[in-house]
């Protein structure tokens, strides 16, 4: 028997220095008071199934009902039709490689079909799939998942899966670990590995529906062929009575009979009013739809478009839950085994089946968050990298904001203040107005650089200044002689060149000629 921790004095639990990591209230041995009989195998706790002698074939017969088939087919195919995604469980290279291989593996097998078969666990309560593995290029690969009939298997007290065989129907044969993918659906606790399937709730509505249909058919028969009544005089012999009864039976087939005088025949029809069997049938169908789909308007007629959209959202919520149930069980089973075998130490990949509606909702939420960030920036606030990561997730990088092109007013104000606008390109057609305070040489600058050869023109003034400084004994002497220097500075050649360039520029401006090769190319373009 499992030991239970002592509660100490006065029944008060002592404070543990470390957490208790052992399982204490497991449904094994004599601890579980909810199980009447504890044998080698755990008994199914489904009360309806117990009354049926644990006969799952009765649950299988429920699928013959048209409403059950149609509704559960919607739920099952909605799950199967969702695209499968496999994401790394971590950022390390091993976890990324494990996700890539699992994704490739599942794309190469009929995994959607296997998922559809395993989803029948939602109907019966649990499902069992045998995983067929193979070794390829030194790695373990999942080659196929074979869904087995679930009630061929039972669970032991320790949670071990056991196969019931003809040779051993009591204890079963223990199955090897990391071989079978199992799912459990609908139970309200973890002590029930068999789950509680939709068939548990569907049994009575389907049963009542069948009984109602039987009465309905009988009523239709009575309406189409009312009961015949024959009246004969008192004292009529038994042989004559039997002859009249046979005549009444033939009347239902032939439509007419001949009887002797004194004998009357009449038809008895229902006079109690109308019994609405169709309403009862609709009520049972609605009950079935609500059990399987949580609503009725995806199988029956609806009142309005808005209501049908709400009902559709309810069905999608159930499909979301089914997808999570199935994917989580696969991650805890085959996905975890393959990762441990092929990439020891790597995190188990995250397997999902995301609906298109979920992607649309995520895109809408992302747009709303982007609008909120834009509004906050307009108000003068900048989000931190942590805030952006929490809002938009990984996979996004910030790009440099492109420079804003200045307006004509901004360029004119900059020219008036004789300041440069760094990083802002000059608008097209405003280069001359900005002058040498814009961004780069304008047409006049280029023309002056091409016409005036500055180096030879400045050689004579530079040599004169160097000789002047050499003659001065000190800087103080040079300062005192500086006023008389400007009158004797040799700049005639420089003055003549500048005058000639100014003349050419005025002539070119009057005639509309290009002042540079760049301006000529721009005018030609």
Protein backbone atom coordinates (compact mmCIF):
# COMPACT_ATOMS: atom_id res chain seq x y z
CA UNK A 1 0.00 0.00 0.00
CA UNK A 2 1.25 3.49 -0.82
CA UNK A 3 2.45 5.46 2.19
CA UNK A 4 0.63 8.72 2.87
CA UNK A 5 2.66 11.57 4.42
CA UNK A 6 2.05 12.13 8.13
CA UNK A 7 0.08 15.30 8.81
CA UNK A 8 1.88 15.90 12.07
CA UNK A 9 0.38 17.25 15.29
CA UNK A 10 -3.17 18.53 15.30
CA UNK A 11 -3.59 17.36 11.73
CA UNK A 12 -1.66 20.32 10.34
CA UNK A 13 0.58 19.65 7.39
CA UNK A 14 4.19 20.52 8.04
CA UNK A 15 5.95 22.89 5.68
CA UNK A 16 8.25 20.93 3.39
CA UNK A 17 11.65 22.29 2.55
CA UNK A 18 11.37 20.68 -0.88
CA UNK A 19 8.33 19.87 -3.05
CA UNK A 20 6.90 16.36 -2.91
CA UNK A 21 7.60 14.86 -6.33
CA UNK A 22 5.97 11.45 -5.76
CA UNK A 23 2.42 10.63 -6.85
CA UNK A 24 0.32 9.96 -3.76
CA UNK A 25 -3.37 9.61 -4.72
CA UNK A 26 -2.91 7.22 -7.64
CA UNK A 27 -5.90 5.06 -8.56
CA UNK A 28 -4.16 1.83 -7.58
CA UNK A 29 -4.22 -0.77 -4.82
CA UNK A 30 -6.71 0.10 -2.07
CA UNK A 31 -6.54 3.89 -2.34
CA UNK A 32 -9.33 4.41 -4.87
CA UNK A 33 -12.64 4.20 -3.04
CA UNK A 34 -14.62 4.89 -6.24
CA UNK A 35 -13.79 1.52 -7.79
CA UNK A 36 -15.89 -1.34 -6.47
CA UNK A 37 -13.71 -4.09 -7.90
CA UNK A 38 -9.96 -3.80 -8.27
CA UNK A 39 -8.55 -6.60 -10.36
CA UNK A 40 -5.54 -6.89 -12.62
CA UNK A 41 -7.20 -4.57 -15.14
CA UNK A 42 -8.97 -1.26 -14.57
CA UNK A 43 -12.72 -1.46 -15.12
CA UNK A 44 -14.54 0.97 -17.37
CA UNK A 45 -16.42 3.57 -15.31
CA UNK A 46 -19.01 4.42 -17.97
CA UNK A 47 -22.34 3.70 -16.20
CA UNK A 48 -24.30 3.24 -19.43
CA UNK A 49 -21.71 0.82 -20.77
CA UNK A 50 -21.78 -1.12 -17.51
CA UNK A 51 -25.53 -1.68 -17.92
CA UNK A 52 -24.80 -2.96 -21.41
CA UNK A 53 -22.27 -5.46 -20.09
CA UNK A 54 -19.23 -3.46 -21.30
CA UNK A 55 -20.38 -4.19 -24.83
CA UNK A 56 -18.85 -1.49 -27.02
CA UNK A 57 -20.62 -2.99 -30.05
CA UNK A 58 -23.81 -1.30 -28.82
CA UNK A 59 -22.01 2.04 -29.01
CA UNK A 60 -20.84 1.14 -32.51
CA UNK A 61 -24.46 0.54 -33.54
CA UNK A 62 -25.26 4.16 -32.66
CA UNK A 63 -23.31 5.21 -35.74
CA UNK A 64 -26.08 3.76 -37.92
CA UNK A 65 -28.33 6.66 -36.95
CA UNK A 66 -28.28 9.28 -39.68
CA UNK A 67 -28.11 12.27 -37.36
CA UNK A 68 -25.27 10.75 -35.35
CA UNK A 69 -23.32 9.97 -38.52
CA UNK A 70 -23.86 13.43 -40.03
CA UNK A 71 -22.96 15.39 -36.90
CA UNK A 72 -19.91 13.41 -35.88
CA UNK A 73 -18.73 13.38 -39.49
CA UNK A 74 -18.74 17.18 -39.39
CA UNK A 75 -16.67 17.25 -36.24
CA UNK A 76 -14.23 14.58 -37.35
CA UNK A 77 -13.64 15.89 -40.86
CA UNK A 78 -13.31 19.47 -39.59
CA UNK A 79 -10.41 18.26 -37.46
CA UNK A 80 -8.81 16.24 -40.24
CA UNK A 81 -9.06 19.06 -42.80
CA UNK A 82 -7.00 21.49 -40.74
CA UNK A 83 -3.41 21.95 -41.93
CA UNK A 84 -0.74 20.34 -39.77
CA UNK A 85 2.15 22.46 -38.49
CA UNK A 86 5.29 21.33 -36.67
CA UNK A 87 7.34 23.95 -34.82
CA UNK A 88 10.57 23.55 -32.83
CA UNK A 89 10.16 23.09 -29.11
CA UNK A 90 13.29 25.16 -28.45
CA UNK A 91 15.76 27.53 -30.09
CA UNK A 92 18.78 25.20 -29.96
CA UNK A 93 19.98 23.51 -33.18
CA UNK A 94 19.00 20.02 -31.98
CA UNK A 95 15.39 21.06 -31.30
CA UNK A 96 15.15 22.78 -34.69
CA UNK A 97 16.56 19.69 -36.44
CA UNK A 98 14.11 17.45 -34.55
CA UNK A 99 11.17 19.57 -35.73
CA UNK A 100 12.42 19.54 -39.33
CA UNK A 101 12.72 15.76 -39.38
CA UNK A 102 9.33 15.17 -37.73
CA UNK A 103 7.71 17.56 -40.20
CA UNK A 104 9.29 15.71 -43.12
CA UNK A 105 8.30 12.36 -41.60
CA UNK A 106 4.62 13.27 -41.20
CA UNK A 107 4.46 14.69 -44.73
CA UNK A 108 5.62 11.35 -46.13
CA UNK A 109 2.94 9.22 -44.45
CA UNK A 110 -0.88 9.21 -44.37
CA UNK A 111 -0.97 11.10 -41.10
CA UNK A 112 -4.25 12.91 -41.84
CA UNK A 113 -5.98 9.55 -42.28
CA UNK A 114 -4.45 8.27 -39.05
CA UNK A 115 -5.59 11.41 -37.24
CA UNK A 116 -9.14 10.92 -38.53
CA UNK A 117 -9.23 7.33 -37.28
CA UNK A 118 -7.73 8.23 -33.92
CA UNK A 119 -10.34 10.97 -33.50
CA UNK A 120 -12.98 8.24 -33.09
CA UNK A 121 -11.71 8.19 -29.53
CA UNK A 122 -13.98 11.20 -28.95
CA UNK A 123 -16.92 8.90 -29.75
CA UNK A 124 -15.92 5.81 -27.77
CA UNK A 125 -13.87 7.53 -25.05
CA UNK A 126 -10.41 6.33 -26.05
CA UNK A 127 -8.46 5.17 -29.08
CA UNK A 128 -5.37 3.07 -29.62
CA UNK A 129 -2.98 3.29 -32.57
CA UNK A 130 -0.04 1.00 -33.18
CA UNK A 131 3.03 2.89 -34.39
CA UNK A 132 5.05 1.14 -37.07
CA UNK A 133 8.66 2.35 -36.92
CA UNK A 134 11.59 1.77 -39.26
CA UNK A 135 15.28 2.65 -39.24
CA UNK A 136 16.39 4.81 -42.15
CA UNK A 137 19.83 6.42 -42.49
CA UNK A 138 20.54 5.74 -38.85
CA UNK A 139 17.36 7.51 -37.70
CA UNK A 140 14.04 6.18 -36.43
CA UNK A 141 11.11 7.03 -38.70
CA UNK A 142 7.37 6.61 -38.25
CA UNK A 143 6.20 4.65 -41.28
CA UNK A 144 2.51 4.17 -40.39
CA UNK A 145 -0.05 4.50 -37.60
CA UNK A 146 -2.55 1.63 -37.55
CA UNK A 147 -5.67 2.48 -35.55
CA UNK A 148 -6.84 -0.58 -33.64
CA UNK A 149 -10.26 -1.43 -32.21
CA UNK A 150 -9.95 0.22 -28.80
CA UNK A 151 -11.91 -2.30 -26.70
CA UNK A 152 -9.40 -4.98 -27.63
CA UNK A 153 -7.16 -3.25 -25.09
CA UNK A 154 -7.38 -2.66 -21.35
CA UNK A 155 -5.20 -0.78 -18.86
CA UNK A 156 -3.58 -2.31 -15.81
CA UNK A 157 -3.51 -0.77 -12.36
CA UNK A 158 -0.12 0.78 -13.21
CA UNK A 159 -1.47 2.30 -16.45
CA UNK A 160 0.17 -0.36 -18.61
CA UNK A 161 -1.58 -1.12 -21.91
CA UNK A 162 -2.60 -4.78 -22.23
CA UNK A 163 -4.08 -6.62 -25.21
CA UNK A 164 -6.98 -9.00 -24.61
CA UNK A 165 -6.48 -12.25 -26.53
CA UNK A 166 -8.48 -15.44 -26.89
CA UNK A 167 -5.91 -17.17 -24.69
CA UNK A 168 -6.06 -14.50 -21.96
CA UNK A 169 -9.23 -12.46 -21.61
CA UNK A 170 -8.74 -11.83 -17.89
CA UNK A 171 -5.31 -10.24 -17.57
CA UNK A 172 -4.38 -9.62 -21.20
CA UNK A 173 -0.90 -9.50 -22.71
CA UNK A 174 1.37 -6.60 -21.75
CA UNK A 175 2.28 -4.39 -24.70
CA UNK A 176 5.83 -3.02 -25.11
CA UNK A 177 6.37 0.61 -24.09
CA UNK A 178 6.78 3.37 -26.71
CA UNK A 179 4.85 1.34 -29.26
CA UNK A 180 1.18 2.38 -29.01
CA UNK A 181 -0.25 5.88 -29.33
CA UNK A 182 -3.26 6.20 -27.01
CA UNK A 183 -5.79 9.00 -26.52
CA UNK A 184 -8.39 9.60 -23.81
CA UNK A 185 -11.38 11.92 -24.26
CA UNK A 186 -14.18 13.38 -22.16
CA UNK A 187 -13.36 12.03 -18.69
CA UNK A 188 -13.61 14.44 -15.76
CA UNK A 189 -10.48 13.07 -14.04
CA UNK A 190 -7.12 11.45 -14.80
CA UNK A 191 -8.05 8.20 -13.05
CA UNK A 192 -10.12 7.06 -16.05
CA UNK A 193 -7.87 6.08 -18.98
CA UNK A 194 -10.89 4.86 -20.95
CA UNK A 195 -12.38 8.35 -21.07
CA UNK A 196 -16.07 9.10 -21.50
CA UNK A 197 -17.06 9.28 -25.14
CA UNK A 198 -19.97 10.98 -26.86
CA UNK A 199 -21.65 7.59 -27.17
CA UNK A 200 -22.37 7.75 -23.43
CA UNK A 201 -24.60 10.79 -23.94
CA UNK A 202 -25.95 9.63 -27.31
CA UNK A 203 -27.25 6.25 -26.21
CA UNK A 204 -30.59 7.33 -24.73
CA UNK A 205 -31.56 9.96 -27.32
CA UNK A 206 -30.89 7.44 -30.10
CA UNK A 207 -32.78 4.75 -28.19
CA UNK A 208 -35.82 6.99 -27.69
CA UNK A 209 -35.66 8.12 -31.29
CA UNK A 210 -35.79 4.51 -32.48
CA UNK A 211 -38.75 3.76 -30.26
CA UNK A 212 -40.51 6.89 -31.47
CA UNK A 213 -39.90 5.96 -35.08
CA UNK A 214 -41.42 2.53 -34.38
CA UNK A 215 -44.59 4.13 -33.01
CA UNK A 216 -44.61 6.58 -35.91
CA UNK A 217 -44.47 3.78 -38.46
CA UNK A 218 -47.28 1.99 -36.65
CA UNK A 219 -49.35 5.18 -36.69
CA UNK A 220 -48.74 5.60 -40.40
CA UNK A 221 -49.82 2.04 -40.94
CA UNK A 222 -53.01 2.68 -39.02
CA UNK A 223 -53.65 5.83 -41.01
CA UNK A 224 -53.05 4.13 -44.35
CA UNK A 225 -54.92 0.96 -43.53
CA UNK A 226 -57.38 1.48 -40.64
CA UNK A 227 -58.47 -1.45 -38.52
CA UNK A 228 -61.43 -3.32 -39.96
CA UNK A 229 -64.42 -4.20 -37.79
CA UNK A 230 -66.99 -6.84 -38.65
CA UNK A 231 -70.37 -7.18 -36.91
CA UNK A 232 -72.42 -10.36 -37.14
CA UNK A 233 -75.74 -11.41 -35.56
CA UNK A 234 -75.71 -13.16 -32.28
CA UNK A 235 -75.54 -16.92 -32.54
CA UNK A 236 -73.42 -16.92 -35.68
CA UNK A 237 -71.34 -20.13 -35.83
CA UNK A 238 -67.60 -19.99 -35.22
CA UNK A 239 -66.86 -21.03 -38.79
CA UNK A 240 -68.87 -18.08 -40.11
CA UNK A 241 -67.05 -15.73 -37.72
CA UNK A 242 -63.66 -16.93 -38.99
CA UNK A 243 -64.85 -16.54 -42.56
CA UNK A 244 -65.82 -12.91 -41.86
CA UNK A 245 -62.42 -12.24 -40.26
CA UNK A 246 -60.61 -13.60 -43.31
CA UNK A 247 -62.76 -11.43 -45.52
CA UNK A 248 -61.82 -8.34 -43.55
CA UNK A 249 -58.10 -9.24 -43.91
CA UNK A 250 -58.57 -9.61 -47.70
CA UNK A 251 -60.32 -6.26 -47.80
CA UNK A 252 -57.08 -4.53 -46.67
CA UNK A 253 -55.34 -5.96 -49.71
CA UNK A 254 -58.11 -6.11 -52.31
CA UNK A 255 -60.04 -3.02 -51.24
CA UNK A 256 -63.49 -4.66 -51.43
CA UNK A 257 -65.38 -7.71 -50.07
CA UNK A 258 -68.81 -9.31 -50.27
CA UNK A 259 -70.68 -10.18 -47.06
CA UNK A 260 -74.15 -11.67 -46.51
CA UNK A 261 -77.10 -9.63 -45.39
CA UNK A 262 -77.11 -8.88 -41.70
CA UNK A 263 -73.32 -8.64 -41.49
CA UNK A 264 -71.70 -5.18 -41.35
CA UNK A 265 -68.07 -4.17 -41.92
CA UNK A 266 -66.56 -0.81 -40.95
CA UNK A 267 -63.11 0.82 -40.55
CA UNK A 268 -61.95 2.16 -37.21
CA UNK A 269 -59.92 5.37 -37.42
CA UNK A 270 -58.07 7.32 -34.69
CA UNK A 271 -60.31 9.95 -33.13
CA UNK A 272 -58.05 11.25 -30.32
CA UNK A 273 -56.53 14.05 -32.37
CA UNK A 274 -53.07 14.41 -33.92
CA UNK A 275 -49.99 12.87 -32.30
CA UNK A 276 -47.01 14.88 -33.63
CA UNK A 277 -44.38 12.17 -34.08
CA UNK A 278 -42.38 14.48 -36.37
CA UNK A 279 -41.90 17.00 -33.54
CA UNK A 280 -40.59 14.26 -31.28
CA UNK A 281 -38.18 13.11 -33.98
CA UNK A 282 -36.94 16.68 -34.48
CA UNK A 283 -36.44 17.04 -30.74
CA UNK A 284 -34.28 13.93 -30.60
CA UNK A 285 -32.27 15.05 -33.64
CA UNK A 286 -31.69 18.44 -31.99
CA UNK A 287 -30.55 16.67 -28.82
CA UNK A 288 -28.08 14.59 -30.83
CA UNK A 289 -26.74 17.69 -32.61
CA UNK A 290 -26.21 19.53 -29.33
CA UNK A 291 -24.38 16.55 -27.83
CA UNK A 292 -22.00 16.16 -30.77
CA UNK A 293 -21.63 19.72 -32.08
CA UNK A 294 -22.82 21.88 -29.19
CA UNK A 295 -25.42 23.49 -31.49
CA UNK A 296 -27.99 22.62 -34.14
CA UNK A 297 -27.75 25.09 -37.00
CA UNK A 298 -24.87 23.46 -38.91
CA UNK A 299 -27.09 20.39 -39.46
CA UNK A 300 -30.64 21.79 -39.39
CA UNK A 301 -32.34 24.92 -40.68
CA UNK A 302 -31.41 28.16 -38.94
CA UNK A 303 -33.33 31.28 -38.05
CA UNK A 304 -30.86 33.90 -39.27
CA UNK A 305 -27.36 34.41 -40.63
CA UNK A 306 -26.10 35.92 -37.36
CA UNK A 307 -27.31 32.94 -35.33
CA UNK A 308 -25.79 30.48 -37.79
CA UNK A 309 -22.44 32.27 -37.51
CA UNK A 310 -22.58 31.96 -33.73
CA UNK A 311 -23.40 28.26 -34.01
CA UNK A 312 -20.53 27.82 -36.44
CA UNK A 313 -18.17 29.42 -33.95
CA UNK A 314 -19.33 26.92 -31.32
CA UNK A 315 -18.52 24.04 -33.66
CA UNK A 316 -15.10 25.54 -34.35
CA UNK A 317 -14.42 25.77 -30.62
CA UNK A 318 -15.15 22.05 -30.27
CA UNK A 319 -12.86 21.34 -33.20
CA UNK A 320 -10.14 23.43 -31.56
CA UNK A 321 -10.47 21.32 -28.40
CA UNK A 322 -10.36 18.09 -30.44
CA UNK A 323 -7.24 19.26 -32.28
CA UNK A 324 -5.48 20.14 -29.03
CA UNK A 325 -6.44 16.81 -27.45
CA UNK A 326 -5.16 14.81 -30.41
CA UNK A 327 -1.97 16.83 -30.94
CA UNK A 328 -1.05 16.84 -27.25
CA UNK A 329 -1.40 13.07 -27.04
CA UNK A 330 0.78 12.69 -30.14
CA UNK A 331 3.41 15.03 -28.70
CA UNK A 332 3.46 13.05 -25.44
CA UNK A 333 3.75 9.80 -27.39
CA UNK A 334 5.31 9.25 -30.84
CA UNK A 335 6.75 12.78 -31.18
CA UNK A 336 8.54 12.53 -27.83
CA UNK A 337 9.84 9.02 -28.61
CA UNK A 338 11.23 9.98 -32.02
CA UNK A 339 12.91 13.06 -30.56
CA UNK A 340 14.54 11.06 -27.75
CA UNK A 341 15.79 8.41 -30.19
CA UNK A 342 17.06 10.69 -32.93
CA UNK A 343 18.04 13.89 -31.08
CA UNK A 344 18.81 13.13 -27.41
CA UNK A 345 18.43 16.20 -25.23
CA UNK A 346 16.33 18.13 -27.78
CA UNK A 347 12.92 19.55 -26.94
CA UNK A 348 9.86 17.77 -28.30
CA UNK A 349 8.47 19.58 -31.39
CA UNK A 350 5.16 21.39 -31.04
CA UNK A 351 2.48 19.81 -33.25
CA UNK A 352 -0.61 21.89 -34.07
CA UNK A 353 -3.64 21.92 -36.33
CA UNK A 354 -4.54 25.58 -36.79
CA UNK A 355 -7.82 26.65 -38.37
CA UNK A 356 -7.99 29.26 -41.11
CA UNK A 357 -10.32 31.24 -38.83
CA UNK A 358 -7.59 31.32 -36.18
CA UNK A 359 -5.09 32.68 -38.69
CA UNK A 360 -7.57 35.38 -39.74
CA UNK A 361 -8.15 36.33 -36.10
CA UNK A 362 -4.38 36.46 -35.50
CA UNK A 363 -3.91 38.71 -38.54
CA UNK A 364 -6.71 41.01 -37.35
CA UNK A 365 -5.18 41.20 -33.87
CA UNK A 366 -1.77 41.97 -35.37
CA UNK A 367 -3.26 44.82 -37.41
CA UNK A 368 -4.98 46.24 -34.32
CA UNK A 369 -1.73 46.10 -32.34
CA UNK A 370 0.11 47.83 -35.18
CA UNK A 371 -2.50 50.60 -35.17
CA UNK A 372 -2.06 50.98 -31.41
CA UNK A 373 1.72 51.28 -31.78
CA UNK A 374 1.29 53.90 -34.53
CA UNK A 375 -1.07 55.92 -32.32
CA UNK A 376 1.36 55.78 -29.39
CA UNK A 377 4.22 56.94 -31.60
CA UNK A 378 2.11 59.82 -32.86
CA UNK A 379 1.55 60.76 -29.21
CA UNK A 380 5.30 60.81 -28.62
CA UNK A 381 5.84 57.35 -27.10
CA UNK A 382 8.20 54.68 -28.42
CA UNK A 383 7.64 51.00 -27.45
CA UNK A 384 10.49 49.10 -25.84
CA UNK A 385 11.91 45.99 -27.56
CA UNK A 386 10.33 43.86 -24.82
CA UNK A 387 6.90 45.35 -25.52
CA UNK A 388 7.25 44.81 -29.25
CA UNK A 389 8.35 41.22 -28.69
CA UNK A 390 5.35 40.54 -26.45
CA UNK A 391 2.95 42.06 -28.97
CA UNK A 392 4.31 40.76 -32.27
CA UNK A 393 6.37 37.72 -31.22
CA UNK A 394 9.57 36.50 -32.79
CA UNK A 395 10.42 36.74 -36.47
CA UNK A 396 10.29 40.54 -36.78
CA UNK A 397 13.15 43.03 -37.11
CA UNK A 398 13.03 46.81 -37.03
CA UNK A 399 13.96 48.53 -40.30
CA UNK A 400 15.50 51.99 -40.54
CA UNK A 401 12.96 54.75 -41.04
CA UNK A 402 13.47 56.30 -44.51
CA UNK A 403 14.41 60.01 -44.47
CA UNK A 404 11.55 62.42 -44.89
CA UNK A 405 11.86 64.61 -47.97
CA UNK A 406 11.84 68.29 -46.94
CA UNK A 407 9.23 70.65 -48.27
CA UNK A 408 10.00 73.82 -50.21
CA UNK A 409 9.24 75.90 -47.11
CA UNK A 410 11.78 73.92 -45.06
CA UNK A 411 14.47 74.34 -47.71
CA UNK A 412 13.77 78.09 -48.01
CA UNK A 413 13.95 78.47 -44.22
CA UNK A 414 17.24 76.58 -44.13
CA UNK A 415 18.69 78.80 -46.86
CA UNK A 416 17.56 81.93 -45.02
CA UNK A 417 19.20 80.73 -41.79
CA UNK A 418 22.28 79.46 -43.70
CA UNK A 419 22.09 75.99 -42.13
CA UNK A 420 22.39 72.56 -43.66
CA UNK A 421 19.60 69.99 -43.42
CA UNK A 422 21.63 66.79 -42.77
CA UNK A 423 20.30 63.56 -44.16
CA UNK A 424 17.44 65.21 -46.04
CA UNK A 425 17.61 65.17 -49.85
CA UNK A 426 16.81 68.38 -51.69
CA UNK A 427 13.47 68.25 -53.52
CA UNK A 428 13.70 68.08 -57.26
CA UNK A 429 13.98 71.55 -58.84
CA UNK A 430 15.13 73.30 -55.64
CA UNK A 431 18.90 72.76 -55.93
CA UNK A 432 19.60 76.29 -57.24
CA UNK A 433 17.35 77.91 -54.60
CA UNK A 434 19.15 76.07 -51.81
CA UNK A 435 22.55 77.32 -53.02
CA UNK A 436 25.65 75.93 -51.39
CA UNK A 437 23.70 75.25 -48.19
CA UNK A 438 21.86 72.29 -49.65
CA UNK A 439 23.17 68.79 -50.07
CA UNK A 440 25.99 68.71 -52.63
CA UNK A 441 27.23 71.10 -55.34
CA UNK A 442 24.73 72.89 -57.53
CA UNK A 443 25.11 73.89 -61.17
CA UNK A 444 27.17 77.08 -60.34
CA UNK A 445 29.58 75.08 -58.19
CA UNK A 446 30.12 72.53 -60.94
CA UNK A 447 30.61 75.31 -63.54
CA UNK A 448 33.16 77.16 -61.40
CA UNK A 449 35.13 73.97 -60.79
CA UNK A 450 35.28 73.24 -64.52
CA UNK A 451 36.14 76.81 -65.75
CA UNK A 452 38.53 78.04 -63.05
CA UNK A 453 41.85 76.24 -62.61
CA UNK A 454 42.42 77.19 -59.00
CA UNK A 455 45.80 75.60 -58.35
CA UNK A 456 47.91 77.54 -60.95
CA UNK A 457 46.03 80.76 -60.18
CA UNK A 458 46.92 80.52 -56.49
CA UNK A 459 50.61 79.59 -56.91
CA UNK A 460 51.82 83.24 -57.22
CA UNK A 461 49.83 84.61 -54.19
CA UNK A 462 50.93 81.65 -52.07
CA UNK A 463 54.63 82.16 -52.98
CA UNK A 464 54.33 85.89 -52.14
CA UNK A 465 52.85 85.11 -48.71
CA UNK A 466 55.53 82.53 -47.95
CA UNK A 467 58.26 85.11 -48.79
CA UNK A 468 56.52 87.73 -46.65
CA UNK A 469 56.43 85.43 -43.63
CA UNK A 470 60.10 84.49 -44.12
CA UNK A 471 61.13 88.18 -44.00
CA UNK A 472 59.27 88.79 -40.72
CA UNK A 473 61.27 88.04 -37.59
CA UNK A 474 58.21 87.29 -35.45
CA UNK A 475 54.46 86.97 -35.60
CA UNK A 476 54.11 90.36 -33.96
CA UNK A 477 56.11 91.94 -36.81
CA UNK A 478 53.98 90.12 -39.40
CA UNK A 479 50.84 91.42 -37.68
CA UNK A 480 52.16 95.00 -37.82
CA UNK A 481 53.09 94.77 -41.54
CA UNK A 482 49.81 93.02 -42.55
CA UNK A 483 47.81 96.21 -43.49
CA UNK A 484 50.36 97.15 -46.18
CA UNK A 485 50.48 93.61 -47.52
CA UNK A 486 47.05 93.61 -49.19
CA UNK A 487 48.00 96.49 -51.51
CA UNK A 488 51.01 94.60 -52.94
CA UNK A 489 49.41 91.08 -53.10
CA UNK A 490 49.73 89.73 -56.74
CA UNK A 491 46.11 88.81 -57.55
CA UNK A 492 45.65 90.39 -60.98
CA UNK A 493 45.64 87.05 -62.76
CA UNK A 494 43.13 85.61 -60.28
CA UNK A 495 40.91 88.70 -60.59
CA UNK A 496 40.91 88.46 -64.40
CA UNK A 497 39.99 84.75 -64.36
CA UNK A 498 37.08 85.31 -61.97
CA UNK A 499 35.81 88.20 -64.10
CA UNK A 500 35.96 86.02 -67.23
CA UNK A 501 34.09 83.21 -65.49
CA UNK A 502 31.41 85.62 -64.31
CA UNK A 503 30.99 86.93 -67.85
CA UNK A 504 30.56 83.44 -69.23
CA UNK A 505 28.07 82.58 -66.53
CA UNK A 506 25.95 85.68 -67.27
CA UNK A 507 25.98 84.98 -70.99
CA UNK A 508 25.03 81.33 -70.40
CA UNK A 509 22.23 82.33 -68.07
CA UNK A 510 20.78 84.80 -70.55
CA UNK A 511 20.96 82.35 -73.44
CA UNK A 512 19.59 79.42 -71.35
CA UNK A 513 22.72 77.33 -71.90
CA UNK A 514 23.70 74.44 -69.62
CA UNK A 515 26.40 75.37 -67.11
CA UNK A 516 27.64 71.77 -66.65
CA UNK A 517 27.54 68.31 -68.20
CA UNK A 518 25.17 67.10 -65.46
CA UNK A 519 22.76 69.96 -66.10
CA UNK A 520 22.92 69.33 -69.84
CA UNK A 521 22.11 65.64 -69.30
CA UNK A 522 19.26 66.56 -66.98
CA UNK A 523 17.84 69.03 -69.49
CA UNK A 524 18.12 66.42 -72.24
CA UNK A 525 16.36 63.82 -70.06
